[in-house]
Amino acid sequence: MSQVISDELMEYIANLAKLELSEKEKEQAKKDMERMLSYIDKLNELDTEGIEPLSHIFSVNNVFREDVVTNGDDSENILSNAPERKDEAFKVPKTVE
């Protein structure tokens, strides 16, 4: 049940992707998309009865660690390297009008 990609559909897809394709590139993209759809059709023929869907190949658990400050407030030491400072910040030349 392979789907044929029309010129209009290819133009629409290129527009959505904000691509300017030459005629040769459009033809190549159409062939590529038809091959992809054909492959998907082939995958749809597989018997997946009883197979549980996966979101990830490995079992993934929450791997986040507790957010704990380890280096503390060293702002005075950091600002000691500043050529100029204003209050508790670096002072830099204005770059935007």
N, C-alpha and C. Protein backbone atom coordinates (compact mmCIF):
# COMPACT_ATOMS: atom_id res chain seq x y z
N MET A 1 0.84 -1.18 0.00
CA MET A 1 0.00 0.00 0.00
C MET A 1 0.88 1.24 0.00
N SER A 2 1.86 1.23 -0.85
CA SER A 2 2.80 2.34 -0.92
C SER A 2 2.10 3.60 -1.44
N GLN A 3 2.40 4.72 -0.82
CA GLN A 3 1.77 5.98 -1.19
C GLN A 3 2.67 6.74 -2.16
N VAL A 4 2.04 7.29 -3.20
CA VAL A 4 2.78 8.09 -4.17
C VAL A 4 2.69 9.55 -3.72
N ILE A 5 3.82 10.21 -3.65
CA ILE A 5 3.88 11.61 -3.23
C ILE A 5 3.66 12.48 -4.47
N SER A 6 2.63 13.31 -4.43
CA SER A 6 2.34 14.20 -5.56
C SER A 6 3.23 15.43 -5.51
N ASP A 7 3.30 16.13 -6.63
CA ASP A 7 4.07 17.37 -6.69
C ASP A 7 3.50 18.40 -5.72
N GLU A 8 2.17 18.43 -5.62
CA GLU A 8 1.52 19.40 -4.72
C GLU A 8 1.87 19.11 -3.26
N LEU A 9 1.85 17.83 -2.90
CA LEU A 9 2.20 17.46 -1.53
C LEU A 9 3.66 17.79 -1.24
N MET A 10 4.53 17.53 -2.19
CA MET A 10 5.96 17.83 -2.01
C MET A 10 6.16 19.33 -1.84
N GLU A 11 5.44 20.12 -2.63
CA GLU A 11 5.53 21.58 -2.53
C GLU A 11 5.03 22.04 -1.15
N TYR A 12 3.94 21.43 -0.67
CA TYR A 12 3.37 21.76 0.63
C TYR A 12 4.36 21.43 1.75
N ILE A 13 4.96 20.26 1.68
CA ILE A 13 5.92 19.85 2.71
C ILE A 13 7.14 20.76 2.69
N ALA A 14 7.63 21.08 1.52
CA ALA A 14 8.78 21.99 1.40
C ALA A 14 8.44 23.35 2.00
N ASN A 15 7.21 23.80 1.74
CA ASN A 15 6.76 25.08 2.29
C ASN A 15 6.73 25.03 3.82
N LEU A 16 6.19 23.95 4.37
CA LEU A 16 6.12 23.82 5.83
C LEU A 16 7.52 23.82 6.44
N ALA A 17 8.46 23.19 5.75
CA ALA A 17 9.84 23.11 6.25
C ALA A 17 10.65 24.35 5.87
N LYS A 18 10.00 25.28 5.18
CA LYS A 18 10.66 26.51 4.73
C LYS A 18 11.91 26.19 3.91
N LEU A 19 11.74 25.26 2.96
CA LEU A 19 12.82 24.85 2.08
C LEU A 19 12.55 25.35 0.67
N GLU A 20 13.58 25.81 0.03
CA GLU A 20 13.49 26.15 -1.39
C GLU A 20 14.25 25.07 -2.14
N LEU A 21 13.49 24.20 -2.79
CA LEU A 21 14.10 23.07 -3.47
C LEU A 21 14.06 23.26 -4.98
N SER A 22 15.14 22.87 -5.62
CA SER A 22 15.14 22.87 -7.09
C SER A 22 14.29 21.69 -7.55
N GLU A 23 13.98 21.64 -8.84
CA GLU A 23 13.18 20.53 -9.37
C GLU A 23 13.87 19.20 -9.12
N LYS A 24 15.19 19.17 -9.30
CA LYS A 24 15.94 17.94 -9.09
C LYS A 24 15.86 17.51 -7.62
N GLU A 25 15.98 18.48 -6.68
CA GLU A 25 15.89 18.19 -5.26
C GLU A 25 14.50 17.71 -4.87
N LYS A 26 13.46 18.31 -5.50
CA LYS A 26 12.09 17.88 -5.23
C LYS A 26 11.88 16.44 -5.65
N GLU A 27 12.39 16.09 -6.82
CA GLU A 27 12.24 14.71 -7.31
C GLU A 27 12.96 13.73 -6.39
N GLN A 28 14.15 14.10 -5.95
CA GLN A 28 14.91 13.23 -5.05
C GLN A 28 14.19 13.10 -3.70
N ALA A 29 13.66 14.21 -3.19
CA ALA A 29 12.94 14.18 -1.92
C ALA A 29 11.68 13.32 -2.05
N LYS A 30 10.99 13.40 -3.18
CA LYS A 30 9.80 12.57 -3.40
C LYS A 30 10.17 11.10 -3.37
N LYS A 31 11.26 10.74 -4.05
CA LYS A 31 11.70 9.33 -4.06
C LYS A 31 12.05 8.88 -2.65
N ASP A 32 12.77 9.73 -1.91
CA ASP A 32 13.15 9.39 -0.54
C ASP A 32 11.92 9.18 0.34
N MET A 33 10.94 10.07 0.23
CA MET A 33 9.73 9.96 1.04
C MET A 33 8.93 8.72 0.67
N GLU A 34 8.87 8.40 -0.61
CA GLU A 34 8.16 7.19 -1.04
C GLU A 34 8.85 5.95 -0.49
N ARG A 35 10.19 5.95 -0.46
CA ARG A 35 10.93 4.82 0.11
C ARG A 35 10.67 4.70 1.61
N MET A 36 10.61 5.84 2.31
CA MET A 36 10.34 5.81 3.74
C MET A 36 8.94 5.26 4.01
N LEU A 37 7.96 5.73 3.25
CA LEU A 37 6.59 5.26 3.45
C LEU A 37 6.47 3.78 3.11
N SER A 38 7.19 3.34 2.11
CA SER A 38 7.20 1.93 1.74
C SER A 38 7.78 1.10 2.88
N TYR A 39 8.82 1.58 3.51
CA TYR A 39 9.44 0.88 4.63
C TYR A 39 8.48 0.81 5.81
N ILE A 40 7.77 1.91 6.06
CA ILE A 40 6.79 1.92 7.15
C ILE A 40 5.68 0.91 6.87
N ASP A 41 5.24 0.82 5.61
CA ASP A 41 4.24 -0.19 5.24
C ASP A 41 4.77 -1.58 5.54
N LYS A 42 6.04 -1.81 5.24
CA LYS A 42 6.65 -3.11 5.50
C LYS A 42 6.66 -3.40 7.01
N LEU A 43 6.99 -2.40 7.82
CA LEU A 43 6.99 -2.57 9.27
C LEU A 43 5.58 -2.86 9.80
N ASN A 44 4.57 -2.26 9.16
CA ASN A 44 3.19 -2.48 9.59
C ASN A 44 2.74 -3.92 9.36
N GLU A 45 3.44 -4.67 8.53
CA GLU A 45 3.11 -6.07 8.28
C GLU A 45 3.53 -6.97 9.44
N LEU A 46 4.41 -6.49 10.30
CA LEU A 46 4.89 -7.30 11.42
C LEU A 46 3.78 -7.57 12.42
N ASP A 47 3.78 -8.77 12.98
CA ASP A 47 2.82 -9.13 14.02
C ASP A 47 3.34 -8.63 15.36
N THR A 48 2.69 -7.63 15.91
CA THR A 48 3.12 -7.06 17.19
C THR A 48 2.13 -7.39 18.30
N GLU A 49 1.28 -8.38 18.07
CA GLU A 49 0.30 -8.80 19.07
C GLU A 49 1.03 -9.27 20.33
N GLY A 50 0.65 -8.72 21.47
CA GLY A 50 1.24 -9.13 22.73
C GLY A 50 2.57 -8.46 23.05
N ILE A 51 3.04 -7.59 22.19
CA ILE A 51 4.30 -6.89 22.43
C ILE A 51 3.98 -5.55 23.09
N GLU A 52 4.58 -5.32 24.24
CA GLU A 52 4.33 -4.09 24.96
C GLU A 52 5.09 -2.92 24.31
N PRO A 53 4.41 -1.78 24.11
CA PRO A 53 5.09 -0.62 23.51
C PRO A 53 6.21 -0.11 24.41
N LEU A 54 7.26 0.39 23.79
CA LEU A 54 8.40 0.93 24.52
C LEU A 54 8.53 2.42 24.26
N SER A 55 8.91 3.15 25.27
CA SER A 55 9.27 4.55 25.06
C SER A 55 10.78 4.68 25.01
N HIS A 56 11.46 3.65 25.55
CA HIS A 56 12.92 3.64 25.56
C HIS A 56 13.36 2.19 25.59
N ILE A 57 14.45 1.89 24.93
CA ILE A 57 14.92 0.50 24.86
C ILE A 57 15.39 -0.02 26.21
N PHE A 58 15.91 0.86 27.06
CA PHE A 58 16.37 0.47 28.38
C PHE A 58 15.36 0.94 29.43
N SER A 59 15.30 0.26 30.53
CA SER A 59 14.46 0.69 31.64
C SER A 59 15.08 1.95 32.23
N VAL A 60 14.37 3.06 32.16
CA VAL A 60 14.91 4.33 32.62
C VAL A 60 14.13 4.79 33.85
N ASN A 61 14.84 5.07 34.90
CA ASN A 61 14.24 5.61 36.11
C ASN A 61 14.68 7.05 36.26
N ASN A 62 14.06 7.75 37.20
CA ASN A 62 14.45 9.12 37.47
C ASN A 62 15.91 9.14 37.93
N VAL A 63 16.76 9.75 37.12
CA VAL A 63 18.19 9.76 37.43
C VAL A 63 18.66 11.11 37.96
N PHE A 64 17.70 11.97 38.31
CA PHE A 64 18.08 13.28 38.82
C PHE A 64 18.58 13.17 40.25
N ARG A 65 19.57 13.96 40.56
CA ARG A 65 20.08 13.98 41.93
C ARG A 65 19.50 15.19 42.64
N GLU A 66 19.60 15.18 43.92
CA GLU A 66 19.14 16.31 44.72
C GLU A 66 20.02 17.52 44.38
N ASP A 67 19.39 18.67 44.21
CA ASP A 67 20.12 19.90 43.88
C ASP A 67 20.67 20.51 45.17
N VAL A 68 21.96 20.30 45.40
CA VAL A 68 22.60 20.78 46.63
C VAL A 68 23.75 21.70 46.24
N VAL A 69 23.79 22.89 46.85
CA VAL A 69 24.88 23.83 46.59
C VAL A 69 26.13 23.31 47.29
N THR A 70 27.22 23.18 46.52
CA THR A 70 28.45 22.66 47.11
C THR A 70 29.56 23.71 47.16
N ASN A 71 29.46 24.75 46.33
CA ASN A 71 30.56 25.72 46.30
C ASN A 71 30.21 27.03 47.01
N GLY A 72 29.00 27.22 47.43
CA GLY A 72 28.62 28.40 48.20
C GLY A 72 28.73 29.70 47.42
N ASP A 73 28.61 30.81 48.15
CA ASP A 73 28.65 32.13 47.54
C ASP A 73 30.08 32.65 47.56
N ASP A 74 30.70 32.64 46.40
CA ASP A 74 32.07 33.10 46.27
C ASP A 74 32.11 34.37 45.43
N SER A 75 31.02 35.15 45.44
CA SER A 75 30.92 36.31 44.56
C SER A 75 32.00 37.36 44.83
N GLU A 76 32.37 37.56 46.06
CA GLU A 76 33.39 38.57 46.37
C GLU A 76 34.73 38.18 45.74
N ASN A 77 35.08 36.93 45.82
CA ASN A 77 36.32 36.44 45.22
C ASN A 77 36.26 36.56 43.69
N ILE A 78 35.11 36.22 43.10
CA ILE A 78 34.94 36.30 41.64
C ILE A 78 35.02 37.74 41.18
N LEU A 79 34.32 38.64 41.88
CA LEU A 79 34.31 40.05 41.49
C LEU A 79 35.65 40.74 41.72
N SER A 80 36.53 40.14 42.49
CA SER A 80 37.84 40.74 42.71
C SER A 80 38.65 40.75 41.42
N ASN A 81 38.28 39.91 40.44
CA ASN A 81 38.97 39.87 39.15
C ASN A 81 38.39 40.85 38.13
N ALA A 82 37.31 41.51 38.47
CA ALA A 82 36.64 42.40 37.52
C ALA A 82 37.42 43.70 37.34
N PRO A 83 37.61 44.15 36.09
CA PRO A 83 38.26 45.43 35.88
C PRO A 83 37.45 46.58 36.48
N GLU A 84 36.11 46.48 36.34
CA GLU A 84 35.21 47.45 36.95
C GLU A 84 34.01 46.69 37.50
N ARG A 85 33.44 47.20 38.57
CA ARG A 85 32.25 46.57 39.12
C ARG A 85 31.29 47.63 39.60
N LYS A 86 30.02 47.27 39.61
CA LYS A 86 28.98 48.16 40.10
C LYS A 86 28.14 47.33 41.06
N ASP A 87 28.13 47.73 42.31
CA ASP A 87 27.47 46.97 43.37
C ASP A 87 28.01 45.55 43.38
N GLU A 88 27.17 44.55 43.16
CA GLU A 88 27.59 43.15 43.20
C GLU A 88 27.62 42.53 41.81
N ALA A 89 28.04 43.32 40.78
CA ALA A 89 28.05 42.81 39.41
C ALA A 89 29.23 43.37 38.64
N PHE A 90 29.55 42.72 37.53
CA PHE A 90 30.57 43.23 36.62
C PHE A 90 29.98 44.43 35.89
N LYS A 91 30.80 45.46 35.68
CA LYS A 91 30.37 46.62 34.90
C LYS A 91 31.03 46.51 33.54
N VAL A 92 30.19 46.52 32.48
CA VAL A 92 30.70 46.36 31.11
C VAL A 92 30.21 47.51 30.26
N PRO A 93 30.89 47.80 29.15
CA PRO A 93 30.44 48.88 28.28
C PRO A 93 29.08 48.55 27.67
N LYS A 94 28.32 49.58 27.40
CA LYS A 94 27.00 49.43 26.77
C LYS A 94 27.22 48.94 25.33
N THR A 95 26.50 47.91 24.94
CA THR A 95 26.68 47.34 23.61
C THR A 95 25.46 47.53 22.71
N VAL A 96 24.31 47.88 23.28
CA VAL A 96 23.08 48.04 22.51
C VAL A 96 22.55 49.44 22.74
N GLU A 97 22.15 50.07 21.67
CA GLU A 97 21.58 51.41 21.79
C GLU A 97 20.12 51.35 22.11
